[in-house]
C-alpha atoms as a PDB file:
ATOM      1  CA  MET A   1      43.165  12.049  11.750  1.00  0.00           C
ATOM      2  CA  THR A   2      45.749  13.986   9.745  1.00  0.00           C
ATOM      3  CA  VAL A   3      47.130  12.811   6.396  1.00  0.00           C
ATOM      4  CA  CYS A   4      50.100  14.585   4.809  1.00  0.00           C
ATOM      5  CA  ASN A   5      51.041  14.352   1.135  1.00  0.00           C
ATOM      6  CA  GLY A   6      54.847  14.261   1.195  1.00  0.00           C
ATOM      7  CA  GLY A   7      55.146  13.602  -2.528  1.00  0.00           C
ATOM      8  CA  GLU A   8      55.650  15.882  -5.512  1.00  0.00           C
ATOM      9  CA  PHE A   9      52.218  15.336  -7.067  1.00  0.00           C
ATOM     10  CA  ALA A  10      48.608  15.636  -5.964  1.00  0.00           C
ATOM     11  CA  THR A  11      47.157  12.385  -4.639  1.00  0.00           C
ATOM     12  CA  GLU A  12      45.136  10.157  -6.907  1.00  0.00           C
ATOM     13  CA  ASN A  13      42.348   7.893  -5.562  1.00  0.00           C
ATOM     14  CA  LEU A  14      43.226   8.562  -1.935  1.00  0.00           C
ATOM     15  CA  THR A  15      41.652   6.081   0.499  1.00  0.00           C
ATOM     16  CA  VAL A  16      42.137   5.394   4.200  1.00  0.00           C
ATOM     17  CA  LEU A  17      40.945   2.127   5.744  1.00  0.00           C
ATOM     18  CA  LEU A  18      41.053   2.031   9.545  1.00  0.00           C
ATOM     19  CA  GLU A  19      41.602  -1.218  11.435  1.00  0.00           C
ATOM     20  CA  LEU A  20      40.736  -1.376  15.126  1.00  0.00           C
ATOM     21  CA  ARG A  21      42.342  -4.128  17.213  1.00  0.00           C
ATOM     22  CA  ASP A  22      42.397  -4.867  20.921  1.00  0.00           C
ATOM     23  CA  GLY A  23      45.288  -6.161  22.945  1.00  0.00           C
ATOM     24  CA  LEU A  24      43.455  -8.824  24.927  1.00  0.00           C
ATOM     25  CA  PRO A  25      44.628 -12.457  24.496  1.00  0.00           C
ATOM     26  CA  PRO A  26      45.111 -13.541  21.836  1.00  0.00           C
ATOM     27  CA  PRO A  27      46.867 -10.235  20.976  1.00  0.00           C
ATOM     28  CA  ASN A  28      45.672  -7.943  18.258  1.00  0.00           C
ATOM     29  CA  ASP A  29      42.169  -9.302  17.777  1.00  0.00           C
ATOM     30  CA  LEU A  30      40.564  -7.414  14.901  1.00  0.00           C
ATOM     31  CA  ILE A  31      37.420  -5.677  16.157  1.00  0.00           C
ATOM     32  CA  GLY A  32      36.419  -4.051  12.900  1.00  0.00           C
ATOM     33  CA  THR A  33      37.378  -2.050   9.814  1.00  0.00           C
ATOM     34  CA  TYR A  34      36.113   1.416   8.951  1.00  0.00           C
ATOM     35  CA  THR A  35      36.467   3.467   5.758  1.00  0.00           C
ATOM     36  CA  LEU A  36      37.487   7.047   6.554  1.00  0.00           C
ATOM     37  CA  ASP A  37      35.238   9.724   5.048  1.00  0.00           C
ATOM     38  CA  LEU A  38      37.498  11.876   2.836  1.00  0.00           C
ATOM     39  CA  SER A  39      34.713  13.777   1.092  1.00  0.00           C
ATOM     40  CA  SER A  40      35.702  17.075   2.765  1.00  0.00           C
ATOM     41  CA  ASN A  41      39.094  17.032   0.981  1.00  0.00           C
ATOM     42  CA  PRO A  42      39.500  14.020  -1.349  1.00  0.00           C
ATOM     43  CA  VAL A  43      42.658  15.249  -3.130  1.00  0.00           C
ATOM     44  CA  LEU A  44      45.770  16.468  -1.303  1.00  0.00           C
ATOM     45  CA  ASP A  45      48.204  18.729  -3.126  1.00  0.00           C
ATOM     46  CA  PRO A  46      51.972  18.305  -2.616  1.00  0.00           C
ATOM     47  CA  GLY A  47      52.809  19.148   1.002  1.00  0.00           C
ATOM     48  CA  GLU A  48      49.122  19.570   1.947  1.00  0.00           C
ATOM     49  CA  VAL A  49      47.798  18.151   5.206  1.00  0.00           C
ATOM     50  CA  GLY A  50      44.221  16.872   5.330  1.00  0.00           C
ATOM     51  CA  VAL A  51      42.336  16.632   8.624  1.00  0.00           C
ATOM     52  CA  TYR A  52      39.548  14.049   8.739  1.00  0.00           C
ATOM     53  CA  PRO A  53      37.481  13.535  11.887  1.00  0.00           C
ATOM     54  CA  TYR A  54      36.268  10.040  12.672  1.00  0.00           C
ATOM     55  CA  ARG A  55      34.573   8.201  15.480  1.00  0.00           C
ATOM     56  CA  ILE A  56      34.460   4.485  16.290  1.00  0.00           C
ATOM     57  CA  ASP A  57      31.743   3.296  18.651  1.00  0.00           C
ATOM     58  CA  LEU A  58      32.390   0.141  20.670  1.00  0.00           C
ATOM     59  CA  THR A  59      29.737  -2.218  21.961  1.00  0.00           C
ATOM     60  CA  PRO A  60      29.736  -2.892  25.725  1.00  0.00           C
ATOM     61  CA  GLU A  61      31.247  -6.327  25.007  1.00  0.00           C
ATOM     62  CA  GLN A  62      34.194  -4.710  23.203  1.00  0.00           C
ATOM     63  CA  VAL A  63      35.033  -2.256  25.997  1.00  0.00           C
ATOM     64  CA  HIS A  64      37.553  -3.504  28.567  1.00  0.00           C
ATOM     65  CA  ALA A  65      38.733  -1.271  31.384  1.00  0.00           C
ATOM     66  CA  GLY A  66      42.526  -0.995  31.261  1.00  0.00           C
ATOM     67  CA  GLY A  67      42.585  -2.604  27.827  1.00  0.00           C
ATOM     68  CA  THR A  68      44.931  -1.620  25.010  1.00  0.00           C
ATOM     69  CA  TYR A  69      43.475  -0.653  21.635  1.00  0.00           C
ATOM     70  CA  LYS A  70      45.339  -0.104  18.382  1.00  0.00           C
ATOM     71  CA  VAL A  71      44.132   1.845  15.330  1.00  0.00           C
ATOM     72  CA  THR A  72      45.997   1.291  12.062  1.00  0.00           C
ATOM     73  CA  ALA A  73      45.392   3.635   9.126  1.00  0.00           C
ATOM     74  CA  ASN A  74      45.990   1.946   5.780  1.00  0.00           C
ATOM     75  CA  VAL A  75      46.605   4.948   3.507  1.00  0.00           C
ATOM     76  CA  LYS A  76      46.565   4.186  -0.217  1.00  0.00           C
ATOM     77  CA  ILE A  77      46.990   6.170  -3.431  1.00  0.00           C
ATOM     78  CA  THR A  78      47.379   4.950  -7.007  1.00  0.00           C
ATOM     79  CA  ASN A  79      50.233   7.293  -7.999  1.00  0.00           C
ATOM     80  CA  HIS A  80      52.772   6.366  -5.337  1.00  0.00           C
ATOM     81  CA  SER A  81      56.355   6.374  -6.639  1.00  0.00           C
ATOM     82  CA  GLY A  82      57.294   2.887  -7.777  1.00  0.00           C
ATOM     83  CA  HIS A  83      53.677   1.631  -7.647  1.00  0.00           C
ATOM     84  CA  LEU A  84      51.873   3.609 -10.345  1.00  0.00           C
ATOM     85  CA  GLY A  85      48.358   2.369 -11.010  1.00  0.00           C
ATOM     86  CA  THR A  86      48.320   0.156  -7.902  1.00  0.00           C
ATOM     87  CA  PRO A  87      46.899   1.195  -4.504  1.00  0.00           C
ATOM     88  CA  PHE A  88      49.912   1.590  -2.229  1.00  0.00           C
ATOM     89  CA  GLY A  89      50.940   3.569   0.813  1.00  0.00           C
ATOM     90  CA  PRO A  90      51.970   3.585   4.479  1.00  0.00           C
ATOM     91  CA  SER A  91      50.086   2.021   7.395  1.00  0.00           C
ATOM     92  CA  PRO A  92      50.834   4.071  10.519  1.00  0.00           C
ATOM     93  CA  SER A  93      49.215   3.075  13.806  1.00  0.00           C
ATOM     94  CA  ALA A  94      48.529   4.455  17.252  1.00  0.00           C
ATOM     95  CA  THR A  95      47.573   2.785  20.537  1.00  0.00           C
ATOM     96  CA  THR A  96      45.544   3.891  23.530  1.00  0.00           C
ATOM     97  CA  ILE A  97      44.888   2.381  26.946  1.00  0.00           C
ATOM     98  CA  LEU A  98      41.466   2.809  28.507  1.00  0.00           C
ATOM     99  CA  PRO A  99      41.347   3.875  32.156  1.00  0.00           C
ATOM    100  CA  GLY A 100      41.199   1.144  34.731  1.00  0.00           C
ATOM    101  CA  THR A 101      37.790   2.398  35.769  1.00  0.00           C
ATOM    102  CA  LEU A 102      35.342   3.506  33.094  1.00  0.00           C
ATOM    103  CA  THR A 103      32.730   6.138  33.761  1.00  0.00           C
ATOM    104  CA  PRO A 104      29.530   5.480  31.802  1.00  0.00           C
ATOM    105  CA  LEU A 105      28.246   8.267  29.600  1.00  0.00           C
ATOM    106  CA  TYR A 106      24.931   8.041  31.430  1.00  0.00           C
ATOM    107  CA  GLU A 107      24.499   6.648  34.920  1.00  0.00           C
ATOM    108  CA  CYS A 108      20.865   5.950  34.016  1.00  0.00           C
ATOM    109  CA  ILE A 109      18.724   6.211  30.920  1.00  0.00           C
ATOM    110  CA  ASN A 110      15.017   6.885  30.594  1.00  0.00           C
ATOM    111  CA  VAL A 111      12.937   4.937  28.076  1.00  0.00           C
ATOM    112  CA  ASP A 112       9.554   6.237  26.947  1.00  0.00           C
ATOM    113  CA  ASP A 113       7.039   4.013  25.232  1.00  0.00           C
ATOM    114  CA  THR A 114       4.237   4.959  22.817  1.00  0.00           C
ATOM    115  CA  ASN A 115       1.788   3.024  24.985  1.00  0.00           C
ATOM    116  CA  GLY A 116       2.365   5.607  27.702  1.00  0.00           C
ATOM    117  CA  GLY A 117       4.947   3.845  29.838  1.00  0.00           C
ATOM    118  CA  SER A 118       8.206   5.392  31.053  1.00  0.00           C
ATOM    119  CA  TRP A 119      11.023   3.531  32.779  1.00  0.00           C
ATOM    120  CA  MET A 120      14.505   4.250  34.127  1.00  0.00           C
ATOM    121  CA  PHE A 121      17.353   1.765  33.603  1.00  0.00           C
ATOM    122  CA  SER A 122      20.734   1.728  35.320  1.00  0.00           C
ATOM    123  CA  ASP A 123      21.703  -1.532  33.592  1.00  0.00           C
ATOM    124  CA  SER A 124      20.518  -3.662  30.702  1.00  0.00           C
ATOM    125  CA  GLY A 125      17.013  -4.960  31.247  1.00  0.00           C
ATOM    126  CA  SER A 126      13.482  -5.308  29.958  1.00  0.00           C
ATOM    127  CA  VAL A 127       9.919  -4.530  31.042  1.00  0.00           C
ATOM    128  CA  LYS A 128       6.797  -6.584  30.428  1.00  0.00           C
ATOM    129  CA  TYR A 129       3.316  -5.111  30.515  1.00  0.00           C
ATOM    130  CA  ASN A 130      -0.180  -5.914  29.258  1.00  0.00           C
ATOM    131  CA  VAL A 131      -2.028  -3.988  26.559  1.00  0.00           C
ATOM    132  CA  THR A 132      -5.731  -4.361  25.779  1.00  0.00           C
ATOM    133  CA  PHE A 133      -6.798  -3.999  22.143  1.00  0.00           C
ATOM    134  CA  THR A 134     -10.430  -3.453  21.253  1.00  0.00           C
ATOM    135  CA  GLU A 135     -10.161  -3.370  17.469  1.00  0.00           C
ATOM    136  CA  ASN A 136      -8.518  -5.437  14.758  1.00  0.00           C
ATOM    137  CA  GLY A 137      -5.523  -3.814  13.120  1.00  0.00           C
ATOM    138  CA  THR A 138      -1.763  -3.462  12.935  1.00  0.00           C
ATOM    139  CA  TYR A 139      -0.180  -1.582  15.819  1.00  0.00           C
ATOM    140  CA  VAL A 140       3.344  -0.177  15.993  1.00  0.00           C
ATOM    141  CA  ASN A 141       4.984   0.352  19.368  1.00  0.00           C
ATOM    142  CA  THR A 142       8.079   2.570  19.684  1.00  0.00           C
ATOM    143  CA  ALA A 143      10.476   2.683  22.642  1.00  0.00           C
ATOM    144  CA  THR A 144      12.788   5.712  22.738  1.00  0.00           C
ATOM    145  CA  ILE A 145      15.883   6.402  24.858  1.00  0.00           C
ATOM    146  CA  MET A 146      15.232   9.991  25.868  1.00  0.00           C
ATOM    147  CA  GLU A 147      18.886  10.904  26.468  1.00  0.00           C
ATOM    148  CA  THR A 148      20.042   9.926  22.965  1.00  0.00           C
ATOM    149  CA  GLY A 149      16.867   9.907  20.867  1.00  0.00           C
ATOM    150  CA  GLN A 150      17.554   6.326  19.746  1.00  0.00           C
ATOM    151  CA  SER A 151      14.395   4.282  19.206  1.00  0.00           C
ATOM    152  CA  ALA A 152      13.258   0.782  18.281  1.00  0.00           C
ATOM    153  CA  ASN A 153       9.925  -0.409  16.898  1.00  0.00           C
ATOM    154  CA  ALA A 154       7.857  -3.555  17.316  1.00  0.00           C
ATOM    155  CA  THR A 155       4.776  -4.344  15.219  1.00  0.00           C
ATOM    156  CA  VAL A 156       1.858  -6.581  16.175  1.00  0.00           C
ATOM    157  CA  THR A 157      -1.194  -7.540  14.120  1.00  0.00           C
ATOM    158  CA  VAL A 158      -4.296  -7.962  16.261  1.00  0.00           C
ATOM    159  CA  VAL A 159      -7.201 -10.192  15.268  1.00  0.00           C
ATOM    160  CA  ILE A 160      -9.852 -10.265  17.985  1.00  0.00           C
ATOM    161  CA  GLN A 161     -11.814 -13.491  18.250  1.00  0.00           C
ATOM    162  CA  ALA A 162     -14.909 -13.647  20.414  1.00  0.00           C
ATOM    163  CA  SER A 163     -15.254 -17.347  19.571  1.00  0.00           C
ATOM    164  CA  PRO A 164     -13.743 -19.768  17.023  1.00  0.00           C
ATOM    165  CA  VAL A 165     -14.782 -18.878  13.479  1.00  0.00           C
ATOM    166  CA  ALA A 166     -14.452 -21.203  10.508  1.00  0.00           C
ATOM    167  CA  PRO A 167     -13.036 -19.913   7.218  1.00  0.00           C
ATOM    168  CA  LEU A 168     -15.534 -19.245   4.443  1.00  0.00           C
ATOM    169  CA  THR A 169     -15.170 -19.838   0.710  1.00  0.00           C
ATOM    170  CA  ILE A 170     -14.849 -17.240  -2.032  1.00  0.00           C
ATOM    171  CA  GLY A 171     -18.397 -18.265  -2.977  1.00  0.00           C
ATOM    172  CA  TYR A 172     -19.679 -17.085   0.400  1.00  0.00           C
ATOM    173  CA  TRP A 173     -17.881 -13.753   0.261  1.00  0.00           C
ATOM    174  CA  LYS A 174     -18.982 -13.222  -3.345  1.00  0.00           C
ATOM    175  CA  THR A 175     -22.649 -13.708  -2.428  1.00  0.00           C
ATOM    176  CA  HIS A 176     -22.404 -11.581   0.717  1.00  0.00           C
ATOM    177  CA  ALA A 177     -21.018  -8.398  -0.802  1.00  0.00           C
ATOM    178  CA  GLY A 178     -24.440  -6.805  -1.363  1.00  0.00           C
ATOM    179  CA  PHE A 179     -25.025  -7.973  -4.930  1.00  0.00           C
ATOM    180  CA  ASN A 180     -26.850 -11.266  -4.417  1.00  0.00           C
ATOM    181  CA  GLY A 181     -30.548 -11.373  -3.545  1.00  0.00           C
ATOM    182  CA  ASN A 182     -31.396 -10.676   0.071  1.00  0.00           C
ATOM    183  CA  ASN A 183     -28.006 -11.626   1.487  1.00  0.00           C
ATOM    184  CA  ASP A 184     -26.541  -8.981   3.762  1.00  0.00           C
ATOM    185  CA  ASP A 185     -23.365  -7.135   2.775  1.00  0.00           C
ATOM    186  CA  VAL A 186     -20.808  -8.402   5.297  1.00  0.00           C
ATOM    187  CA  VAL A 187     -17.778  -7.429   3.209  1.00  0.00           C
ATOM    188  CA  THR A 188     -17.896  -3.639   3.538  1.00  0.00           C
ATOM    189  CA  GLU A 189     -17.435  -3.641   7.320  1.00  0.00           C
ATOM    190  CA  LEU A 190     -14.417  -5.950   7.076  1.00  0.00           C
ATOM    191  CA  LEU A 191     -12.755  -3.841   4.396  1.00  0.00           C
ATOM    192  CA  GLY A 192     -12.290  -0.946   6.823  1.00  0.00           C
ATOM    193  CA  THR A 193      -9.699   1.374   5.288  1.00  0.00           C
ATOM    194  CA  GLY A 194      -8.880  -1.245   2.667  1.00  0.00           C
ATOM    195  CA  ILE A 195      -7.257  -4.643   2.126  1.00  0.00           C
ATOM    196  CA  TRP A 196      -3.995  -4.815   0.187  1.00  0.00           C
ATOM    197  CA  LEU A 197      -3.430  -7.561  -2.368  1.00  0.00           C
ATOM    198  CA  GLY A 198       0.330  -7.164  -2.530  1.00  0.00           C
ATOM    199  CA  THR A 199       2.510  -5.346  -0.013  1.00  0.00           C
ATOM    200  CA  PRO A 200       1.187  -1.920   1.053  1.00  0.00           C
ATOM    201  CA  GLY A 201       2.176   0.691  -1.512  1.00  0.00           C
ATOM    202  CA  GLY A 202       3.761  -1.880  -3.853  1.00  0.00           C
ATOM    203  CA  GLU A 203       4.162  -0.881  -7.482  1.00  0.00           C
ATOM    204  CA  ASP A 204       1.484  -3.340  -8.693  1.00  0.00           C
ATOM    205  CA  SER A 205      -0.347  -3.886  -5.378  1.00  0.00           C
ATOM    206  CA  ILE A 206      -4.125  -3.471  -5.339  1.00  0.00           C
ATOM    207  CA  LEU A 207      -5.955  -1.750  -2.472  1.00  0.00           C
ATOM    208  CA  VAL A 208      -9.488  -3.145  -2.175  1.00  0.00           C
ATOM    209  CA  THR A 209     -11.700  -0.468  -0.637  1.00  0.00           C
ATOM    210  CA  THR A 210     -15.266  -1.239  -1.756  1.00  0.00           C
ATOM    211  CA  ALA A 211     -17.574  -4.258  -1.778  1.00  0.00           C
ATOM    212  CA  GLU A 212     -18.105  -3.782  -5.517  1.00  0.00           C
ATOM    213  CA  GLN A 213     -14.367  -3.995  -6.138  1.00  0.00           C
ATOM    214  CA  ALA A 214     -14.146  -7.070  -3.886  1.00  0.00           C
ATOM    215  CA  PHE A 215     -17.072  -8.675  -5.769  1.00  0.00           C
ATOM    216  CA  ARG A 216     -15.296  -8.268  -9.122  1.00  0.00           C
ATOM    217  CA  ILE A 217     -12.052  -9.744  -7.760  1.00  0.00           C
ATOM    218  CA  LEU A 218     -13.863 -12.708  -6.196  1.00  0.00           C
ATOM    219  CA  GLN A 219     -15.339 -13.419  -9.653  1.00  0.00           C
ATOM    220  CA  PHE A 220     -11.783 -13.558 -11.075  1.00  0.00           C
ATOM    221  CA  ASN A 221     -12.483 -10.251 -12.839  1.00  0.00           C
ATOM    222  CA  GLY A 222     -14.134 -12.242 -15.620  1.00  0.00           C
ATOM    223  CA  ALA A 223     -10.917 -14.067 -16.558  1.00  0.00           C
ATOM    224  CA  ALA A 224     -10.791 -17.384 -14.696  1.00  0.00           C
ATOM    225  CA  SER A 225      -8.097 -18.694 -17.023  1.00  0.00           C
ATOM    226  CA  ASN A 226      -5.651 -16.168 -15.554  1.00  0.00           C
ATOM    227  CA  GLY A 227      -3.840 -17.706 -12.574  1.00  0.00           C
ATOM    228  CA  ILE A 228      -3.078 -14.323 -11.012  1.00  0.00           C
ATOM    229  CA  ASN A 229      -6.800 -13.446 -11.039  1.00  0.00           C
ATOM    230  CA  LYS A 230      -7.467 -16.729  -9.236  1.00  0.00           C
ATOM    231  CA  LEU A 231      -4.767 -15.876  -6.692  1.00  0.00           C
ATOM    232  CA  TYR A 232      -6.306 -12.430  -6.161  1.00  0.00           C
ATOM    233  CA  ALA A 233      -9.662 -14.062  -5.338  1.00  0.00           C
ATOM    234  CA  GLN A 234      -8.334 -16.684  -2.923  1.00  0.00           C
ATOM    235  CA  LEU A 235      -5.985 -14.194  -1.241  1.00  0.00           C
ATOM    236  CA  LEU A 236      -8.796 -11.663  -0.738  1.00  0.00           C
ATOM    237  CA  ALA A 237     -11.058 -14.365   0.673  1.00  0.00           C
ATOM    238  CA  ALA A 238      -8.292 -15.513   3.039  1.00  0.00           C
ATOM    239  CA  LYS A 239      -7.744 -11.975   4.322  1.00  0.00           C
ATOM    240  CA  LEU A 240     -11.509 -11.483   4.763  1.00  0.00           C
ATOM    241  CA  ASN A 241     -11.612 -14.746   6.731  1.00  0.00           C
ATOM    242  CA  ILE A 242      -8.791 -13.641   9.030  1.00  0.00           C
ATOM    243  CA  LEU A 243     -10.416 -10.257   9.616  1.00  0.00           C
ATOM    244  CA  ASN A 244     -13.667 -12.123  10.322  1.00  0.00           C
ATOM    245  CA  GLY A 245     -11.911 -14.000  13.120  1.00  0.00           C
ATOM    246  CA  ALA A 246     -10.858 -17.254  11.454  1.00  0.00           C
ATOM    247  CA  TYR A 247      -7.638 -18.792  12.716  1.00  0.00           C
ATOM    248  CA  ALA A 248      -4.684 -18.842  10.316  1.00  0.00           C
ATOM    249  CA  SER A 249      -1.620 -20.976  11.009  1.00  0.00           C
ATOM    250  CA  ASP A 250       1.933 -19.757  10.516  1.00  0.00           C
ATOM    251  CA  GLU A 251       2.001 -21.792   7.291  1.00  0.00           C
ATOM    252  CA  VAL A 252      -1.002 -19.887   5.946  1.00  0.00           C
ATOM    253  CA  LEU A 253       0.384 -16.525   7.061  1.00  0.00           C
ATOM    254  CA  ASP A 254       3.719 -17.300   5.374  1.00  0.00           C
ATOM    255  CA  MET A 255       1.896 -18.165   2.134  1.00  0.00           C
ATOM    256  CA  ILE A 256      -0.029 -14.906   2.319  1.00  0.00           C
ATOM    257  CA  SER A 257       3.223 -13.007   2.854  1.00  0.00           C
ATOM    258  CA  ASP A 258       4.878 -14.748  -0.132  1.00  0.00           C
ATOM    259  CA  ALA A 259       1.868 -14.075  -2.355  1.00  0.00           C
ATOM    260  CA  ASP A 260       1.822 -10.405  -1.290  1.00  0.00           C
ATOM    261  CA  GLU A 261       5.502  -9.979  -2.171  1.00  0.00           C
ATOM    262  CA  PHE A 262       4.868 -11.447  -5.623  1.00  0.00           C
ATOM    263  CA  LEU A 263       1.747  -9.349  -6.287  1.00  0.00           C
ATOM    264  CA  ALA A 264       3.597  -6.179  -5.296  1.00  0.00           C
ATOM    265  CA  THR A 265       5.503  -6.437  -8.596  1.00  0.00           C
ATOM    266  CA  HIS A 266       3.114  -8.491 -10.789  1.00  0.00           C
ATOM    267  CA  ASP A 267      -0.475  -7.773 -11.839  1.00  0.00           C
ATOM    268  CA  ALA A 268      -2.952  -9.807 -13.910  1.00  0.00           C
ATOM    269  CA  SER A 269      -1.314  -8.691 -17.153  1.00  0.00           C
ATOM    270  CA  SER A 270       1.908 -10.427 -16.040  1.00  0.00           C
ATOM    271  CA  TRP A 271       0.368 -13.896 -16.362  1.00  0.00           C
ATOM    272  CA  THR A 272       1.312 -14.341 -20.020  1.00  0.00           C
ATOM    273  CA  SER A 273       4.911 -13.200 -19.529  1.00  0.00           C
ATOM    274  CA  ILE A 274       6.040 -14.887 -16.300  1.00  0.00           C
ATOM    275  CA  THR A 275       8.014 -18.141 -16.454  1.00  0.00           C
ATOM    276  CA  LYS A 276       6.514 -21.602 -16.125  1.00  0.00           C
ATOM    277  CA  PRO A 277       8.003 -22.101 -12.606  1.00  0.00           C
ATOM    278  CA  GLU A 278       6.496 -18.747 -11.558  1.00  0.00           C
ATOM    279  CA  LYS A 279       3.086 -19.822 -12.891  1.00  0.00           C
ATOM    280  CA  GLN A 280       3.364 -23.078 -10.944  1.00  0.00           C
ATOM    281  CA  GLU A 281       4.173 -21.133  -7.779  1.00  0.00           C
ATOM    282  CA  VAL A 282       1.186 -18.805  -8.286  1.00  0.00           C
ATOM    283  CA  LEU A 283      -1.127 -21.784  -8.787  1.00  0.00           C
ATOM    284  CA  SER A 284       0.363 -23.489  -5.730  1.00  0.00           C
ATOM    285  CA  TRP A 285      -0.402 -20.445  -3.543  1.00  0.00           C
ATOM    286  CA  MET A 286      -3.897 -20.256  -5.041  1.00  0.00           C
ATOM    287  CA  SER A 287      -4.538 -23.952  -4.370  1.00  0.00           C
ATOM    288  CA  MET A 288      -3.295 -23.825  -0.773  1.00  0.00           C
ATOM    289  CA  LEU A 289      -5.325 -20.702  -0.006  1.00  0.00           C
ATOM    290  CA  ASP A 290      -8.357 -22.411  -1.565  1.00  0.00           C
ATOM    291  CA  LYS A 291      -7.847 -25.265   0.902  1.00  0.00           C
ATOM    292  CA  TYR A 292      -7.599 -22.773   3.764  1.00  0.00           C
ATOM    293  CA  ASN A 293     -10.783 -20.995   2.680  1.00  0.00           C
ATOM    294  CA  ASN A 294     -12.537 -24.379   2.537  1.00  0.00           C
ATOM    295  CA  GLY A 295     -11.446 -25.224   6.096  1.00  0.00           C
ATOM    296  CA  MET A 296      -9.022 -27.913   4.925  1.00  0.00           C
ATOM    297  CA  LEU A 297      -5.782 -26.280   6.114  1.00  0.00           C
END
């Protein structure tokens, strides 16, 4: 697009807002608005012409063979004669008619999948296939259109259950971390590469990597009067239960997600400074997770 400054002064606060409309009934339906990128030449001197490339991509639903499309450029400056200090300017437009028959950019596309699959599509569609997982964990699958490089991800968390397993209390996990008599350490194996209390990488999130660290958390870190310490303990026990094969309902998983979001930005030292409603919410999560760990939820 070309913009010419026909005035006597350099432009001030030049902006161009594009409006795209189609001519299908009812006429002039607004498809979308787009702000033109003027960063290559934001100020035009008197008589100067600026050239600004732009591209508008239409969805398949917006493309109509033989259809009429209109682009209006709303050009504004704040030093237009007679309108000083107020955005004002012309709104020229141009129309185009698409060919009666449209030729697709690609007759077919090839989609590659991180699980090893590869498929060709000549129209919109989907593919279903089975995947066997042998270990617990979070797996990310990526499908990529090879012609364009565009990709999309899907994430699945796998918990393998050989048979139904009941949740266990924080008391069980505390006495089976290798620090209580002859009880076996069953915590270390479940920790794997670590269990996050808080979202992964969160500013105040805790990554539990050892049975000793888990043992301290399950004991409320010696401060049972601190509601966040209690939440840490119940949340860790809940995650150990899930990794151990215990079923968790969507309600429980949503609570865990909410607690993780909170703990990503709050640690135990936050307990004295958070609001009363926030304390009530922390204690509510703790209480509900306690019920889950006791097999009551």
